[in-house]
Amino acid sequence: MFAIAAALAQVIVILIHSRRTSSTATRTTPWSYMAAALAACALGWLVIGRPAIVWGDLFLVLVWGVFIGSKAASAAKELSGRAWAGWATACTGGAASATWLLDTPLPFA
């Protein structure tokens, strides 16, 4: 449940950013945001009780938590003009994506 809400919010931020900026500008890969999102994924996995890792679920966590999360973090930083917005987006998206590993939605677990 948290992962779906975070994924939807990340996609919205990325779409708003792409509509407001030109597509001709070259963007660098946000490696620092990727590292922060990956660390938040690992921390989120620990917090929710270290559920078993299945390849399909791990793929969702890494794609939505790390890759899409870092793109959303970069977009949030550029849209807001504040560095903390990017870091908060990367960490929140990474931690929320760890809930993809649960068998049931977190509020109902």
N, C-alpha and C. Protein backbone atom coordinates (compact mmCIF):
# COMPACT_ATOMS: atom_id res chain seq x y z
N MET A 1 0.82 -1.17 0.00
CA MET A 1 0.00 0.00 0.00
C MET A 1 0.87 1.25 0.00
N PHE A 2 1.88 1.30 0.88
CA PHE A 2 2.79 2.44 0.91
C PHE A 2 3.61 2.52 -0.37
N ALA A 3 4.01 1.36 -0.90
CA ALA A 3 4.83 1.34 -2.11
C ALA A 3 4.04 1.88 -3.30
N ILE A 4 2.78 1.55 -3.39
CA ILE A 4 1.97 2.02 -4.51
C ILE A 4 1.76 3.53 -4.41
N ALA A 5 1.50 4.03 -3.22
CA ALA A 5 1.34 5.48 -3.03
C ALA A 5 2.63 6.22 -3.35
N ALA A 6 3.76 5.68 -2.90
CA ALA A 6 5.05 6.32 -3.18
C ALA A 6 5.36 6.27 -4.67
N ALA A 7 5.06 5.16 -5.33
CA ALA A 7 5.31 5.04 -6.76
C ALA A 7 4.47 6.04 -7.54
N LEU A 8 3.22 6.19 -7.17
CA LEU A 8 2.35 7.15 -7.84
C LEU A 8 2.85 8.58 -7.64
N ALA A 9 3.27 8.91 -6.43
CA ALA A 9 3.80 10.25 -6.15
C ALA A 9 5.09 10.51 -6.93
N GLN A 10 5.96 9.50 -7.04
CA GLN A 10 7.20 9.67 -7.79
C GLN A 10 6.93 9.91 -9.26
N VAL A 11 5.99 9.17 -9.82
CA VAL A 11 5.66 9.35 -11.24
C VAL A 11 5.09 10.74 -11.47
N ILE A 12 4.25 11.22 -10.57
CA ILE A 12 3.68 12.55 -10.71
C ILE A 12 4.75 13.62 -10.67
N VAL A 13 5.70 13.51 -9.75
CA VAL A 13 6.79 14.50 -9.66
C VAL A 13 7.63 14.48 -10.94
N ILE A 14 7.93 13.29 -11.43
CA ILE A 14 8.74 13.19 -12.66
C ILE A 14 7.99 13.79 -13.85
N LEU A 15 6.69 13.53 -13.96
CA LEU A 15 5.91 14.08 -15.07
C LEU A 15 5.80 15.60 -14.99
N ILE A 16 5.59 16.13 -13.80
CA ILE A 16 5.53 17.59 -13.64
C ILE A 16 6.88 18.21 -14.02
N HIS A 17 7.95 17.59 -13.59
CA HIS A 17 9.29 18.10 -13.90
C HIS A 17 9.54 18.06 -15.41
N SER A 18 9.14 16.98 -16.06
CA SER A 18 9.40 16.87 -17.50
C SER A 18 8.55 17.87 -18.29
N ARG A 19 7.39 18.24 -17.78
CA ARG A 19 6.57 19.23 -18.48
C ARG A 19 7.12 20.65 -18.30
N ARG A 20 7.79 20.90 -17.18
CA ARG A 20 8.27 22.26 -16.90
C ARG A 20 9.66 22.54 -17.44
N THR A 21 10.43 21.51 -17.73
CA THR A 21 11.78 21.74 -18.23
C THR A 21 11.88 21.27 -19.67
N SER A 22 12.89 21.77 -20.35
CA SER A 22 13.08 21.37 -21.73
C SER A 22 13.69 19.97 -21.79
N SER A 23 13.34 19.23 -22.80
CA SER A 23 13.84 17.87 -22.93
C SER A 23 15.20 17.82 -23.62
N THR A 24 15.70 18.95 -24.10
CA THR A 24 16.98 18.96 -24.80
C THR A 24 18.17 19.03 -23.85
N ALA A 25 17.94 19.42 -22.63
CA ALA A 25 19.04 19.55 -21.67
C ALA A 25 19.54 18.16 -21.27
N THR A 26 20.84 18.02 -21.17
CA THR A 26 21.44 16.75 -20.76
C THR A 26 21.47 16.66 -19.25
N ARG A 27 20.96 15.56 -18.73
CA ARG A 27 20.92 15.36 -17.28
C ARG A 27 21.97 14.34 -16.89
N THR A 28 22.58 14.55 -15.75
CA THR A 28 23.54 13.57 -15.24
C THR A 28 22.80 12.56 -14.38
N THR A 29 23.40 11.41 -14.21
CA THR A 29 22.80 10.38 -13.37
C THR A 29 22.95 10.78 -11.91
N PRO A 30 21.87 10.80 -11.14
CA PRO A 30 21.94 11.22 -9.74
C PRO A 30 22.47 10.09 -8.85
N TRP A 31 23.76 9.83 -8.91
CA TRP A 31 24.36 8.72 -8.16
C TRP A 31 24.19 8.87 -6.66
N SER A 32 24.31 10.07 -6.15
CA SER A 32 24.18 10.25 -4.70
C SER A 32 22.76 9.95 -4.24
N TYR A 33 21.78 10.31 -5.05
CA TYR A 33 20.39 9.99 -4.71
C TYR A 33 20.15 8.49 -4.82
N MET A 34 20.79 7.84 -5.78
CA MET A 34 20.66 6.38 -5.90
C MET A 34 21.21 5.69 -4.66
N ALA A 35 22.34 6.15 -4.18
CA ALA A 35 22.94 5.55 -2.98
C ALA A 35 22.05 5.79 -1.76
N ALA A 36 21.50 6.98 -1.63
CA ALA A 36 20.61 7.28 -0.50
C ALA A 36 19.34 6.43 -0.57
N ALA A 37 18.78 6.27 -1.76
CA ALA A 37 17.57 5.47 -1.92
C ALA A 37 17.85 4.00 -1.64
N LEU A 38 19.01 3.50 -2.06
CA LEU A 38 19.37 2.11 -1.79
C LEU A 38 19.56 1.88 -0.29
N ALA A 39 20.20 2.82 0.39
CA ALA A 39 20.36 2.71 1.84
C ALA A 39 19.00 2.76 2.53
N ALA A 40 18.10 3.61 2.05
CA ALA A 40 16.76 3.69 2.62
C ALA A 40 15.97 2.40 2.36
N CYS A 41 16.18 1.78 1.21
CA CYS A 41 15.55 0.48 0.92
C CYS A 41 16.01 -0.56 1.94
N ALA A 42 17.30 -0.60 2.18
CA ALA A 42 17.84 -1.57 3.14
C ALA A 42 17.32 -1.29 4.54
N LEU A 43 17.26 -0.03 4.93
CA LEU A 43 16.74 0.33 6.25
C LEU A 43 15.25 -0.01 6.35
N GLY A 44 14.50 0.27 5.29
CA GLY A 44 13.08 -0.08 5.27
C GLY A 44 12.86 -1.58 5.38
N TRP A 45 13.71 -2.35 4.73
CA TRP A 45 13.63 -3.81 4.81
C TRP A 45 13.85 -4.28 6.25
N LEU A 46 14.81 -3.66 6.94
CA LEU A 46 15.05 -4.00 8.34
C LEU A 46 13.88 -3.60 9.23
N VAL A 47 13.31 -2.45 8.98
CA VAL A 47 12.22 -1.94 9.82
C VAL A 47 10.96 -2.80 9.69
N ILE A 48 10.65 -3.27 8.48
CA ILE A 48 9.42 -4.04 8.30
C ILE A 48 9.58 -5.51 8.69
N GLY A 49 10.72 -5.87 9.21
CA GLY A 49 10.89 -7.22 9.75
C GLY A 49 11.65 -8.19 8.88
N ARG A 50 12.44 -7.72 7.97
CA ARG A 50 13.27 -8.55 7.09
C ARG A 50 12.50 -9.70 6.44
N PRO A 51 11.48 -9.37 5.62
CA PRO A 51 10.73 -10.43 4.94
C PRO A 51 11.62 -11.16 3.92
N ALA A 52 11.18 -12.34 3.53
CA ALA A 52 11.94 -13.12 2.55
C ALA A 52 12.03 -12.36 1.23
N ILE A 53 13.17 -12.50 0.57
CA ILE A 53 13.39 -11.78 -0.68
C ILE A 53 13.16 -12.73 -1.85
N VAL A 54 12.25 -12.34 -2.73
CA VAL A 54 11.94 -13.08 -3.95
C VAL A 54 12.39 -12.21 -5.12
N TRP A 55 12.93 -12.82 -6.18
CA TRP A 55 13.50 -12.05 -7.28
C TRP A 55 12.52 -11.03 -7.86
N GLY A 56 11.28 -11.43 -8.10
CA GLY A 56 10.31 -10.51 -8.69
C GLY A 56 10.05 -9.31 -7.80
N ASP A 57 9.94 -9.56 -6.50
CA ASP A 57 9.72 -8.46 -5.56
C ASP A 57 10.96 -7.59 -5.42
N LEU A 58 12.13 -8.20 -5.43
CA LEU A 58 13.36 -7.43 -5.34
C LEU A 58 13.53 -6.53 -6.55
N PHE A 59 13.12 -7.01 -7.71
CA PHE A 59 13.16 -6.20 -8.92
C PHE A 59 12.30 -4.95 -8.75
N LEU A 60 11.08 -5.12 -8.21
CA LEU A 60 10.20 -3.97 -7.97
C LEU A 60 10.83 -2.98 -7.00
N VAL A 61 11.44 -3.50 -5.95
CA VAL A 61 12.07 -2.63 -4.95
C VAL A 61 13.20 -1.82 -5.58
N LEU A 62 14.04 -2.49 -6.35
CA LEU A 62 15.19 -1.79 -6.93
C LEU A 62 14.77 -0.81 -8.02
N VAL A 63 13.81 -1.18 -8.84
CA VAL A 63 13.38 -0.26 -9.90
C VAL A 63 12.66 0.94 -9.31
N TRP A 64 11.64 0.70 -8.47
CA TRP A 64 10.86 1.81 -7.94
C TRP A 64 11.59 2.55 -6.83
N GLY A 65 12.34 1.84 -6.01
CA GLY A 65 13.01 2.49 -4.89
C GLY A 65 14.26 3.21 -5.27
N VAL A 66 15.07 2.60 -6.12
CA VAL A 66 16.37 3.18 -6.43
C VAL A 66 16.33 4.00 -7.73
N PHE A 67 15.93 3.37 -8.82
CA PHE A 67 16.01 4.07 -10.11
C PHE A 67 14.96 5.18 -10.23
N ILE A 68 13.69 4.83 -10.08
CA ILE A 68 12.63 5.84 -10.20
C ILE A 68 12.72 6.83 -9.03
N GLY A 69 13.07 6.32 -7.85
CA GLY A 69 13.21 7.21 -6.69
C GLY A 69 14.29 8.26 -6.86
N SER A 70 15.41 7.87 -7.48
CA SER A 70 16.48 8.85 -7.69
C SER A 70 16.10 9.87 -8.76
N LYS A 71 15.37 9.43 -9.77
CA LYS A 71 14.89 10.38 -10.78
C LYS A 71 13.90 11.36 -10.16
N ALA A 72 13.01 10.85 -9.32
CA ALA A 72 12.04 11.72 -8.64
C ALA A 72 12.75 12.67 -7.68
N ALA A 73 13.79 12.20 -7.02
CA ALA A 73 14.55 13.06 -6.11
C ALA A 73 15.23 14.19 -6.86
N SER A 74 15.81 13.86 -7.98
CA SER A 74 16.45 14.89 -8.81
C SER A 74 15.42 15.91 -9.30
N ALA A 75 14.25 15.41 -9.70
CA ALA A 75 13.18 16.30 -10.16
C ALA A 75 12.67 17.17 -9.03
N ALA A 76 12.51 16.59 -7.83
CA ALA A 76 12.03 17.36 -6.68
C ALA A 76 13.01 18.46 -6.31
N LYS A 77 14.30 18.16 -6.39
CA LYS A 77 15.31 19.18 -6.07
C LYS A 77 15.25 20.33 -7.07
N GLU A 78 15.12 19.99 -8.35
CA GLU A 78 15.07 21.05 -9.36
C GLU A 78 13.78 21.85 -9.29
N LEU A 79 12.67 21.18 -8.99
CA LEU A 79 11.40 21.89 -8.90
C LEU A 79 11.33 22.81 -7.70
N SER A 80 11.84 22.35 -6.55
CA SER A 80 11.74 23.15 -5.33
C SER A 80 12.90 24.13 -5.18
N GLY A 81 14.04 23.77 -5.74
CA GLY A 81 15.22 24.61 -5.57
C GLY A 81 15.93 24.38 -4.25
N ARG A 82 15.53 23.37 -3.52
CA ARG A 82 16.14 23.08 -2.22
C ARG A 82 16.72 21.67 -2.24
N ALA A 83 17.90 21.53 -1.69
CA ALA A 83 18.58 20.23 -1.69
C ALA A 83 17.88 19.22 -0.80
N TRP A 84 17.31 19.67 0.32
CA TRP A 84 16.67 18.73 1.25
C TRP A 84 15.46 18.04 0.61
N ALA A 85 14.81 18.69 -0.34
CA ALA A 85 13.65 18.06 -1.00
C ALA A 85 14.08 16.83 -1.78
N GLY A 86 15.23 16.90 -2.43
CA GLY A 86 15.75 15.75 -3.16
C GLY A 86 16.12 14.61 -2.24
N TRP A 87 16.79 14.94 -1.14
CA TRP A 87 17.19 13.89 -0.20
C TRP A 87 15.98 13.26 0.47
N ALA A 88 15.00 14.06 0.83
CA ALA A 88 13.79 13.54 1.46
C ALA A 88 13.02 12.64 0.50
N THR A 89 12.95 13.02 -0.76
CA THR A 89 12.26 12.21 -1.76
C THR A 89 12.97 10.89 -1.97
N ALA A 90 14.29 10.91 -2.06
CA ALA A 90 15.06 9.68 -2.26
C ALA A 90 14.90 8.73 -1.09
N CYS A 91 14.99 9.25 0.12
CA CYS A 91 14.89 8.39 1.31
C CYS A 91 13.48 7.88 1.52
N THR A 92 12.48 8.72 1.34
CA THR A 92 11.09 8.30 1.52
C THR A 92 10.69 7.27 0.47
N GLY A 93 11.05 7.53 -0.78
CA GLY A 93 10.72 6.57 -1.83
C GLY A 93 11.44 5.25 -1.66
N GLY A 94 12.69 5.29 -1.23
CA GLY A 94 13.44 4.06 -1.01
C GLY A 94 12.88 3.24 0.13
N ALA A 95 12.57 3.90 1.24
CA ALA A 95 12.02 3.18 2.39
C ALA A 95 10.64 2.62 2.08
N ALA A 96 9.82 3.38 1.40
CA ALA A 96 8.47 2.91 1.07
C ALA A 96 8.50 1.74 0.09
N SER A 97 9.49 1.73 -0.79
CA SER A 97 9.55 0.64 -1.78
C SER A 97 9.88 -0.70 -1.15
N ALA A 98 10.44 -0.69 0.05
CA ALA A 98 10.73 -1.96 0.73
C ALA A 98 9.45 -2.72 1.05
N THR A 99 8.33 -2.04 1.10
CA THR A 99 7.07 -2.72 1.40
C THR A 99 6.59 -3.58 0.23
N TRP A 100 7.23 -3.48 -0.94
CA TRP A 100 6.91 -4.41 -2.04
C TRP A 100 7.23 -5.84 -1.63
N LEU A 101 8.12 -6.02 -0.67
CA LEU A 101 8.53 -7.36 -0.26
C LEU A 101 7.53 -8.06 0.65
N LEU A 102 6.58 -7.33 1.17
CA LEU A 102 5.58 -7.92 2.07
C LEU A 102 4.55 -8.74 1.31
N ASP A 103 4.02 -9.77 1.96
CA ASP A 103 2.97 -10.58 1.35
C ASP A 103 1.62 -9.87 1.37
N THR A 104 1.38 -9.07 2.41
CA THR A 104 0.13 -8.33 2.54
C THR A 104 0.45 -6.85 2.65
N PRO A 105 -0.52 -5.99 2.34
CA PRO A 105 -0.29 -4.56 2.52
C PRO A 105 0.02 -4.23 3.97
N LEU A 106 0.94 -3.32 4.18
CA LEU A 106 1.45 -3.03 5.53
C LEU A 106 0.37 -2.65 6.55
N PRO A 107 -0.58 -1.79 6.25
CA PRO A 107 -1.55 -1.47 7.30
C PRO A 107 -2.38 -2.68 7.73
N PHE A 108 -2.47 -3.69 6.87
CA PHE A 108 -3.31 -4.85 7.16
C PHE A 108 -2.49 -6.06 7.60
N ALA A 109 -1.17 -5.90 7.75
CA ALA A 109 -0.31 -7.04 8.09
C ALA A 109 -0.46 -7.48 9.52
